[in-house]
Amino acid sequence: MALEFEELAVRRSTYHEFLPEIVLKVCSPEDLIVFKAFANRLKDWADIEDILSIQTSIDWNYIHEHLSVLVELKEEPEILDTLNKIRTRS
């Protein structure tokens, strides 16, 4: 299941120009939030807060759909609670 999400994240990724002639393929903010929440490290939670301070439109249904499956496999359901707390503060 994790591999399926990773493949989906790659398919959803897009190219962005960061500097003239510097174009990189990046994942969506939603996919990055799923990756970082799944990692469940203090730095990742801080990064999620930064993402939410910048992004004005987040597809929370998409995040919940994919993160729920991953945290079940990892047997760490508290990850969803932590993300919901951060979401309500943002």
PDB file of N, CA and C in Angstrom:
ATOM      1  N   MET A   1       0.821  -1.202   0.000  1.00  0.00           N
ATOM      2  CA  MET A   1       0.000   0.000   0.000  1.00  0.00           C
ATOM      3  C   MET A   1       0.859   1.259   0.000  1.00  0.00           C
ATOM      4  N   ALA A   2       1.940   1.260   0.773  1.00  0.00           N
ATOM      5  CA  ALA A   2       2.807   2.435   0.796  1.00  0.00           C
ATOM      6  C   ALA A   2       3.379   2.702  -0.584  1.00  0.00           C
ATOM      7  N   LEU A   3       3.765   1.655  -1.268  1.00  0.00           N
ATOM      8  CA  LEU A   3       4.327   1.816  -2.604  1.00  0.00           C
ATOM      9  C   LEU A   3       3.300   2.434  -3.549  1.00  0.00           C
ATOM     10  N   GLU A   4       2.041   2.051  -3.403  1.00  0.00           N
ATOM     11  CA  GLU A   4       0.998   2.639  -4.235  1.00  0.00           C
ATOM     12  C   GLU A   4       0.910   4.143  -4.016  1.00  0.00           C
ATOM     13  N   PHE A   5       0.974   4.572  -2.760  1.00  0.00           N
ATOM     14  CA  PHE A   5       0.919   6.002  -2.481  1.00  0.00           C
ATOM     15  C   PHE A   5       2.129   6.716  -3.078  1.00  0.00           C
ATOM     16  N   GLU A   6       3.296   6.121  -2.939  1.00  0.00           N
ATOM     17  CA  GLU A   6       4.497   6.745  -3.491  1.00  0.00           C
ATOM     18  C   GLU A   6       4.393   6.901  -5.010  1.00  0.00           C
ATOM     19  N   GLU A   7       3.863   5.879  -5.664  1.00  0.00           N
ATOM     20  CA  GLU A   7       3.677   5.964  -7.114  1.00  0.00           C
ATOM     21  C   GLU A   7       2.674   7.055  -7.474  1.00  0.00           C
ATOM     22  N   LEU A   8       1.610   7.155  -6.706  1.00  0.00           N
ATOM     23  CA  LEU A   8       0.616   8.204  -6.928  1.00  0.00           C
ATOM     24  C   LEU A   8       1.236   9.589  -6.741  1.00  0.00           C
ATOM     25  N   ALA A   9       2.039   9.745  -5.707  1.00  0.00           N
ATOM     26  CA  ALA A   9       2.688  11.029  -5.449  1.00  0.00           C
ATOM     27  C   ALA A   9       3.589  11.430  -6.617  1.00  0.00           C
ATOM     28  N   VAL A  10       4.288  10.470  -7.189  1.00  0.00           N
ATOM     29  CA  VAL A  10       5.151  10.764  -8.347  1.00  0.00           C
ATOM     30  C   VAL A  10       4.300  11.163  -9.548  1.00  0.00           C
ATOM     31  N   ARG A  11       3.197  10.450  -9.771  1.00  0.00           N
ATOM     32  CA  ARG A  11       2.323  10.803 -10.905  1.00  0.00           C
ATOM     33  C   ARG A  11       1.709  12.191 -10.734  1.00  0.00           C
ATOM     34  N   ARG A  12       1.432  12.582  -9.507  1.00  0.00           N
ATOM     35  CA  ARG A  12       0.810  13.880  -9.241  1.00  0.00           C
ATOM     36  C   ARG A  12       1.826  15.031  -9.214  1.00  0.00           C
ATOM     37  N   SER A  13       3.099  14.708  -9.188  1.00  0.00           N
ATOM     38  CA  SER A  13       4.125  15.756  -9.096  1.00  0.00           C
ATOM     39  C   SER A  13       4.143  16.621 -10.356  1.00  0.00           C
ATOM     40  N   THR A  14       4.613  17.840 -10.179  1.00  0.00           N
ATOM     41  CA  THR A  14       4.647  18.796 -11.289  1.00  0.00           C
ATOM     42  C   THR A  14       5.994  19.515 -11.310  1.00  0.00           C
ATOM     43  N   TYR A  15       6.279  20.118 -12.436  1.00  0.00           N
ATOM     44  CA  TYR A  15       7.523  20.870 -12.577  1.00  0.00           C
ATOM     45  C   TYR A  15       7.291  22.331 -12.188  1.00  0.00           C
ATOM     46  N   HIS A  16       8.262  22.878 -11.451  1.00  0.00           N
ATOM     47  CA  HIS A  16       8.215  24.294 -11.069  1.00  0.00           C
ATOM     48  C   HIS A  16       9.578  24.918 -11.309  1.00  0.00           C
ATOM     49  N   GLU A  17       9.535  26.155 -11.814  1.00  0.00           N
ATOM     50  CA  GLU A  17      10.783  26.893 -12.021  1.00  0.00           C
ATOM     51  C   GLU A  17      11.082  27.674 -10.750  1.00  0.00           C
ATOM     52  N   PHE A  18      12.225  27.382 -10.135  1.00  0.00           N
ATOM     53  CA  PHE A  18      12.605  28.038  -8.895  1.00  0.00           C
ATOM     54  C   PHE A  18      13.526  29.222  -9.133  1.00  0.00           C
ATOM     55  N   LEU A  19      14.357  29.111 -10.103  1.00  0.00           N
ATOM     56  CA  LEU A  19      15.239  30.187 -10.547  1.00  0.00           C
ATOM     57  C   LEU A  19      15.263  30.111 -12.071  1.00  0.00           C
ATOM     58  N   PRO A  20      15.689  31.183 -12.727  1.00  0.00           N
ATOM     59  CA  PRO A  20      15.789  31.074 -14.182  1.00  0.00           C
ATOM     60  C   PRO A  20      16.633  29.845 -14.562  1.00  0.00           C
ATOM     61  N   GLU A  21      16.054  29.036 -15.395  1.00  0.00           N
ATOM     62  CA  GLU A  21      16.691  27.823 -15.905  1.00  0.00           C
ATOM     63  C   GLU A  21      16.887  26.727 -14.847  1.00  0.00           C
ATOM     64  N   ILE A  22      16.254  26.868 -13.693  1.00  0.00           N
ATOM     65  CA  ILE A  22      16.301  25.826 -12.658  1.00  0.00           C
ATOM     66  C   ILE A  22      14.876  25.323 -12.459  1.00  0.00           C
ATOM     67  N   VAL A  23      14.576  24.214 -13.101  1.00  0.00           N
ATOM     68  CA  VAL A  23      13.238  23.631 -13.028  1.00  0.00           C
ATOM     69  C   VAL A  23      13.355  22.269 -12.340  1.00  0.00           C
ATOM     70  N   LEU A  24      12.533  22.078 -11.314  1.00  0.00           N
ATOM     71  CA  LEU A  24      12.553  20.828 -10.559  1.00  0.00           C
ATOM     72  C   LEU A  24      11.158  20.230 -10.500  1.00  0.00           C
ATOM     73  N   LYS A  25      11.103  18.922 -10.449  1.00  0.00           N
ATOM     74  CA  LYS A  25       9.828  18.226 -10.283  1.00  0.00           C
ATOM     75  C   LYS A  25       9.587  18.066  -8.780  1.00  0.00           C
ATOM     76  N   VAL A  26       8.430  18.537  -8.312  1.00  0.00           N
ATOM     77  CA  VAL A  26       8.126  18.496  -6.879  1.00  0.00           C
ATOM     78  C   VAL A  26       6.761  17.857  -6.642  1.00  0.00           C
ATOM     79  N   CYS A  27       6.615  17.286  -5.469  1.00  0.00           N
ATOM     80  CA  CYS A  27       5.327  16.685  -5.126  1.00  0.00           C
ATOM     81  C   CYS A  27       4.362  17.775  -4.680  1.00  0.00           C
ATOM     82  N   SER A  28       3.096  17.427  -4.627  1.00  0.00           N
ATOM     83  CA  SER A  28       2.072  18.382  -4.208  1.00  0.00           C
ATOM     84  C   SER A  28       2.202  18.650  -2.709  1.00  0.00           C
ATOM     85  N   PRO A  29       1.663  19.767  -2.239  1.00  0.00           N
ATOM     86  CA  PRO A  29       1.689  20.037  -0.794  1.00  0.00           C
ATOM     87  C   PRO A  29       0.996  18.922  -0.006  1.00  0.00           C
ATOM     88  N   GLU A  30      -0.084  18.388  -0.543  1.00  0.00           N
ATOM     89  CA  GLU A  30      -0.796  17.307   0.142  1.00  0.00           C
ATOM     90  C   GLU A  30       0.082  16.063   0.289  1.00  0.00           C
ATOM     91  N   ASP A  31       0.766  15.699  -0.779  1.00  0.00           N
ATOM     92  CA  ASP A  31       1.634  14.526  -0.718  1.00  0.00           C
ATOM     93  C   ASP A  31       2.793  14.762   0.244  1.00  0.00           C
ATOM     94  N   LEU A  32       3.335  15.956   0.248  1.00  0.00           N
ATOM     95  CA  LEU A  32       4.424  16.274   1.163  1.00  0.00           C
ATOM     96  C   LEU A  32       3.947  16.189   2.614  1.00  0.00           C
ATOM     97  N   ILE A  33       2.740  16.650   2.883  1.00  0.00           N
ATOM     98  CA  ILE A  33       2.186  16.547   4.233  1.00  0.00           C
ATOM     99  C   ILE A  33       2.036  15.080   4.627  1.00  0.00           C
ATOM    100  N   VAL A  34       1.559  14.243   3.720  1.00  0.00           N
ATOM    101  CA  VAL A  34       1.422  12.814   4.028  1.00  0.00           C
ATOM    102  C   VAL A  34       2.794  12.209   4.330  1.00  0.00           C
ATOM    103  N   PHE A  35       3.780  12.484   3.486  1.00  0.00           N
ATOM    104  CA  PHE A  35       5.130  11.950   3.717  1.00  0.00           C
ATOM    105  C   PHE A  35       5.674  12.391   5.076  1.00  0.00           C
ATOM    106  N   LYS A  36       5.533  13.666   5.370  1.00  0.00           N
ATOM    107  CA  LYS A  36       6.109  14.210   6.597  1.00  0.00           C
ATOM    108  C   LYS A  36       5.353  13.736   7.839  1.00  0.00           C
ATOM    109  N   ALA A  37       4.043  13.669   7.764  1.00  0.00           N
ATOM    110  CA  ALA A  37       3.274  13.173   8.907  1.00  0.00           C
ATOM    111  C   ALA A  37       3.620  11.700   9.168  1.00  0.00           C
ATOM    112  N   PHE A  38       3.738  10.932   8.105  1.00  0.00           N
ATOM    113  CA  PHE A  38       4.082   9.513   8.249  1.00  0.00           C
ATOM    114  C   PHE A  38       5.449   9.348   8.909  1.00  0.00           C
ATOM    115  N   ALA A  39       6.395  10.225   8.583  1.00  0.00           N
ATOM    116  CA  ALA A  39       7.729  10.158   9.192  1.00  0.00           C
ATOM    117  C   ALA A  39       7.650  10.427  10.697  1.00  0.00           C
ATOM    118  N   ASN A  40       6.731  11.316  11.101  1.00  0.00           N
ATOM    119  CA  ASN A  40       6.420  11.533  12.513  1.00  0.00           C
ATOM    120  C   ASN A  40       7.625  11.955  13.352  1.00  0.00           C
ATOM    121  N   ARG A  41       8.399  12.926  12.824  1.00  0.00           N
ATOM    122  CA  ARG A  41       9.534  13.490  13.569  1.00  0.00           C
ATOM    123  C   ARG A  41       9.220  14.947  13.874  1.00  0.00           C
ATOM    124  N   LEU A  42       9.816  15.476  14.915  1.00  0.00           N
ATOM    125  CA  LEU A  42       9.554  16.872  15.303  1.00  0.00           C
ATOM    126  C   LEU A  42       9.800  17.831  14.149  1.00  0.00           C
ATOM    127  N   LYS A  43      10.885  17.636  13.418  1.00  0.00           N
ATOM    128  CA  LYS A  43      11.210  18.508  12.283  1.00  0.00           C
ATOM    129  C   LYS A  43      10.119  18.440  11.224  1.00  0.00           C
ATOM    130  N   ASP A  44       9.581  17.252  10.987  1.00  0.00           N
ATOM    131  CA  ASP A  44       8.530  17.097   9.977  1.00  0.00           C
ATOM    132  C   ASP A  44       7.257  17.815  10.392  1.00  0.00           C
ATOM    133  N   TRP A  45       6.914  17.764  11.677  1.00  0.00           N
ATOM    134  CA  TRP A  45       5.717  18.483  12.143  1.00  0.00           C
ATOM    135  C   TRP A  45       5.907  19.989  11.987  1.00  0.00           C
ATOM    136  N   ALA A  46       7.113  20.470  12.259  1.00  0.00           N
ATOM    137  CA  ALA A  46       7.398  21.896  12.051  1.00  0.00           C
ATOM    138  C   ALA A  46       7.302  22.244  10.567  1.00  0.00           C
ATOM    139  N   ASP A  47       7.787  21.355   9.710  1.00  0.00           N
ATOM    140  CA  ASP A  47       7.688  21.583   8.264  1.00  0.00           C
ATOM    141  C   ASP A  47       6.222  21.630   7.819  1.00  0.00           C
ATOM    142  N   ILE A  48       5.393  20.769   8.378  1.00  0.00           N
ATOM    143  CA  ILE A  48       3.967  20.781   8.035  1.00  0.00           C
ATOM    144  C   ILE A  48       3.345  22.111   8.434  1.00  0.00           C
ATOM    145  N   GLU A  49       3.693  22.613   9.600  1.00  0.00           N
ATOM    146  CA  GLU A  49       3.181  23.930  10.016  1.00  0.00           C
ATOM    147  C   GLU A  49       3.609  25.013   9.032  1.00  0.00           C
ATOM    148  N   ASP A  50       4.849  24.929   8.547  1.00  0.00           N
ATOM    149  CA  ASP A  50       5.326  25.897   7.554  1.00  0.00           C
ATOM    150  C   ASP A  50       4.546  25.766   6.241  1.00  0.00           C
ATOM    151  N   ILE A  51       4.307  24.551   5.805  1.00  0.00           N
ATOM    152  CA  ILE A  51       3.534  24.330   4.575  1.00  0.00           C
ATOM    153  C   ILE A  51       2.158  24.972   4.714  1.00  0.00           C
ATOM    154  N   LEU A  52       1.513  24.726   5.854  1.00  0.00           N
ATOM    155  CA  LEU A  52       0.162  25.251   6.067  1.00  0.00           C
ATOM    156  C   LEU A  52       0.138  26.773   6.178  1.00  0.00           C
ATOM    157  N   SER A  53       1.251  27.368   6.579  1.00  0.00           N
ATOM    158  CA  SER A  53       1.299  28.834   6.652  1.00  0.00           C
ATOM    159  C   SER A  53       1.439  29.465   5.267  1.00  0.00           C
ATOM    160  N   ILE A  54       1.884  28.676   4.298  1.00  0.00           N
ATOM    161  CA  ILE A  54       2.098  29.179   2.942  1.00  0.00           C
ATOM    162  C   ILE A  54       0.944  28.816   2.013  1.00  0.00           C
ATOM    163  N   GLN A  55       0.478  27.578   2.105  1.00  0.00           N
ATOM    164  CA  GLN A  55      -0.554  27.079   1.189  1.00  0.00           C
ATOM    165  C   GLN A  55      -1.941  27.529   1.644  1.00  0.00           C
ATOM    166  N   THR A  56      -2.696  28.061   0.724  1.00  0.00           N
ATOM    167  CA  THR A  56      -4.034  28.541   1.071  1.00  0.00           C
ATOM    168  C   THR A  56      -5.116  27.509   0.794  1.00  0.00           C
ATOM    169  N   SER A  57      -4.816  26.539  -0.040  1.00  0.00           N
ATOM    170  CA  SER A  57      -5.815  25.545  -0.399  1.00  0.00           C
ATOM    171  C   SER A  57      -5.207  24.154  -0.272  1.00  0.00           C
ATOM    172  N   ILE A  58      -5.704  23.393   0.697  1.00  0.00           N
ATOM    173  CA  ILE A  58      -5.205  22.043   0.945  1.00  0.00           C
ATOM    174  C   ILE A  58      -6.379  21.069   0.827  1.00  0.00           C
ATOM    175  N   ASP A  59      -6.169  19.978   0.124  1.00  0.00           N
ATOM    176  CA  ASP A  59      -7.193  18.946  -0.011  1.00  0.00           C
ATOM    177  C   ASP A  59      -7.067  17.974   1.165  1.00  0.00           C
ATOM    178  N   TRP A  60      -7.771  18.285   2.249  1.00  0.00           N
ATOM    179  CA  TRP A  60      -7.689  17.484   3.471  1.00  0.00           C
ATOM    180  C   TRP A  60      -8.288  16.095   3.283  1.00  0.00           C
ATOM    181  N   ASN A  61      -9.279  15.966   2.426  1.00  0.00           N
ATOM    182  CA  ASN A  61      -9.847  14.639   2.172  1.00  0.00           C
ATOM    183  C   ASN A  61      -8.811  13.711   1.557  1.00  0.00           C
ATOM    184  N   TYR A  62      -8.042  14.230   0.617  1.00  0.00           N
ATOM    185  CA  TYR A  62      -6.976  13.447  -0.012  1.00  0.00           C
ATOM    186  C   TYR A  62      -5.951  13.022   1.033  1.00  0.00           C
ATOM    187  N   ILE A  63      -5.526  13.961   1.871  1.00  0.00           N
ATOM    188  CA  ILE A  63      -4.530  13.666   2.905  1.00  0.00           C
ATOM    189  C   ILE A  63      -5.049  12.577   3.836  1.00  0.00           C
ATOM    190  N   HIS A  64      -6.260  12.751   4.326  1.00  0.00           N
ATOM    191  CA  HIS A  64      -6.819  11.780   5.274  1.00  0.00           C
ATOM    192  C   HIS A  64      -6.965  10.402   4.626  1.00  0.00           C
ATOM    193  N   GLU A  65      -7.426  10.379   3.386  1.00  0.00           N
ATOM    194  CA  GLU A  65      -7.608   9.105   2.685  1.00  0.00           C
ATOM    195  C   GLU A  65      -6.311   8.304   2.618  1.00  0.00           C
ATOM    196  N   HIS A  66      -5.225   8.971   2.271  1.00  0.00           N
ATOM    197  CA  HIS A  66      -3.963   8.258   2.080  1.00  0.00           C
ATOM    198  C   HIS A  66      -3.180   8.077   3.374  1.00  0.00           C
ATOM    199  N   LEU A  67      -3.212   9.063   4.237  1.00  0.00           N
ATOM    200  CA  LEU A  67      -2.469   8.944   5.490  1.00  0.00           C
ATOM    201  C   LEU A  67      -3.110   7.918   6.419  1.00  0.00           C
ATOM    202  N   SER A  68      -4.414   7.816   6.401  1.00  0.00           N
ATOM    203  CA  SER A  68      -5.107   6.841   7.260  1.00  0.00           C
ATOM    204  C   SER A  68      -4.623   5.423   6.999  1.00  0.00           C
ATOM    205  N   VAL A  69      -4.486   5.088   5.741  1.00  0.00           N
ATOM    206  CA  VAL A  69      -4.021   3.741   5.372  1.00  0.00           C
ATOM    207  C   VAL A  69      -2.586   3.530   5.842  1.00  0.00           C
ATOM    208  N   LEU A  70      -1.752   4.541   5.650  1.00  0.00           N
ATOM    209  CA  LEU A  70      -0.336   4.400   6.012  1.00  0.00           C
ATOM    210  C   LEU A  70      -0.135   4.287   7.516  1.00  0.00           C
ATOM    211  N   VAL A  71      -0.845   5.098   8.294  1.00  0.00           N
ATOM    212  CA  VAL A  71      -0.660   5.032   9.751  1.00  0.00           C
ATOM    213  C   VAL A  71      -1.227   3.728  10.317  1.00  0.00           C
ATOM    214  N   GLU A  72      -2.219   3.176   9.648  1.00  0.00           N
ATOM    215  CA  GLU A  72      -2.730   1.869  10.071  1.00  0.00           C
ATOM    216  C   GLU A  72      -1.665   0.796   9.864  1.00  0.00           C
ATOM    217  N   LEU A  73      -0.979   0.849   8.728  1.00  0.00           N
ATOM    218  CA  LEU A  73       0.099  -0.105   8.471  1.00  0.00           C
ATOM    219  C   LEU A  73       1.240   0.074   9.471  1.00  0.00           C
ATOM    220  N   LYS A  74       1.512   1.308   9.836  1.00  0.00           N
ATOM    221  CA  LYS A  74       2.592   1.623  10.769  1.00  0.00           C
ATOM    222  C   LYS A  74       2.168   1.401  12.221  1.00  0.00           C
ATOM    223  N   GLU A  75       0.873   1.255  12.429  1.00  0.00           N
ATOM    224  CA  GLU A  75       0.287   1.078  13.756  1.00  0.00           C
ATOM    225  C   GLU A  75       0.607   2.263  14.675  1.00  0.00           C
ATOM    226  N   GLU A  76       0.449   3.477  14.112  1.00  0.00           N
ATOM    227  CA  GLU A  76       0.641   4.709  14.874  1.00  0.00           C
ATOM    228  C   GLU A  76      -0.513   5.668  14.584  1.00  0.00           C
ATOM    229  N   PRO A  77      -1.731   5.325  15.048  1.00  0.00           N
ATOM    230  CA  PRO A  77      -2.889   6.168  14.758  1.00  0.00           C
ATOM    231  C   PRO A  77      -2.799   7.569  15.353  1.00  0.00           C
ATOM    232  N   GLU A  78      -1.928   7.755  16.334  1.00  0.00           N
ATOM    233  CA  GLU A  78      -1.767   9.080  16.945  1.00  0.00           C
ATOM    234  C   GLU A  78      -1.240  10.114  15.947  1.00  0.00           C
ATOM    235  N   ILE A  79      -0.677   9.657  14.848  1.00  0.00           N
ATOM    236  CA  ILE A  79      -0.210  10.580  13.807  1.00  0.00           C
ATOM    237  C   ILE A  79      -1.376  11.424  13.303  1.00  0.00           C
ATOM    238  N   LEU A  80      -2.534  10.798  13.106  1.00  0.00           N
ATOM    239  CA  LEU A  80      -3.712  11.540  12.634  1.00  0.00           C
ATOM    240  C   LEU A  80      -4.160  12.570  13.663  1.00  0.00           C
ATOM    241  N   ASP A  81      -4.082  12.226  14.939  1.00  0.00           N
ATOM    242  CA  ASP A  81      -4.448  13.173  15.993  1.00  0.00           C
ATOM    243  C   ASP A  81      -3.521  14.389  15.982  1.00  0.00           C
ATOM    244  N   THR A  82      -2.236  14.135  15.839  1.00  0.00           N
ATOM    245  CA  THR A  82      -1.262  15.228  15.802  1.00  0.00           C
ATOM    246  C   THR A  82      -1.526  16.138  14.599  1.00  0.00           C
ATOM    247  N   LEU A  83      -1.770  15.539  13.446  1.00  0.00           N
ATOM    248  CA  LEU A  83      -2.039  16.341  12.256  1.00  0.00           C
ATOM    249  C   LEU A  83      -3.311  17.166  12.425  1.00  0.00           C
ATOM    250  N   ASN A  84      -4.338  16.588  13.001  1.00  0.00           N
ATOM    251  CA  ASN A  84      -5.585  17.326  13.222  1.00  0.00           C
ATOM    252  C   ASN A  84      -5.385  18.496  14.180  1.00  0.00           C
ATOM    253  N   LYS A  85      -4.551  18.330  15.188  1.00  0.00           N
ATOM    254  CA  LYS A  85      -4.248  19.436  16.116  1.00  0.00           C
ATOM    255  C   LYS A  85      -3.547  20.582  15.377  1.00  0.00           C
ATOM    256  N   ILE A  86      -2.579  20.224  14.551  1.00  0.00           N
ATOM    257  CA  ILE A  86      -1.871  21.240  13.765  1.00  0.00           C
ATOM    258  C   ILE A  86      -2.833  21.932  12.807  1.00  0.00           C
ATOM    259  N   ARG A  87      -3.688  21.155  12.185  1.00  0.00           N
ATOM    260  CA  ARG A  87      -4.655  21.721  11.238  1.00  0.00           C
ATOM    261  C   ARG A  87      -5.563  22.730  11.909  1.00  0.00           C
ATOM    262  N   THR A  88      -6.054  22.436  13.084  1.00  0.00           N
ATOM    263  CA  THR A  88      -6.970  23.358  13.763  1.00  0.00           C
ATOM    264  C   THR A  88      -6.265  24.621  14.230  1.00  0.00           C
ATOM    265  N   ARG A  89      -4.967  24.548  14.464  1.00  0.00           N
ATOM    266  CA  ARG A  89      -4.195  25.743  14.863  1.00  0.00           C
ATOM    267  C   ARG A  89      -3.874  26.648  13.689  1.00  0.00           C
ATOM    268  N   SER A  90      -3.870  26.072  12.487  1.00  0.00           N
ATOM    269  CA  SER A  90      -3.462  26.856  11.296  1.00  0.00           C
ATOM    270  C   SER A  90      -4.591  27.691  10.757  1.00  0.00           C
TER     271      SER A  90
END
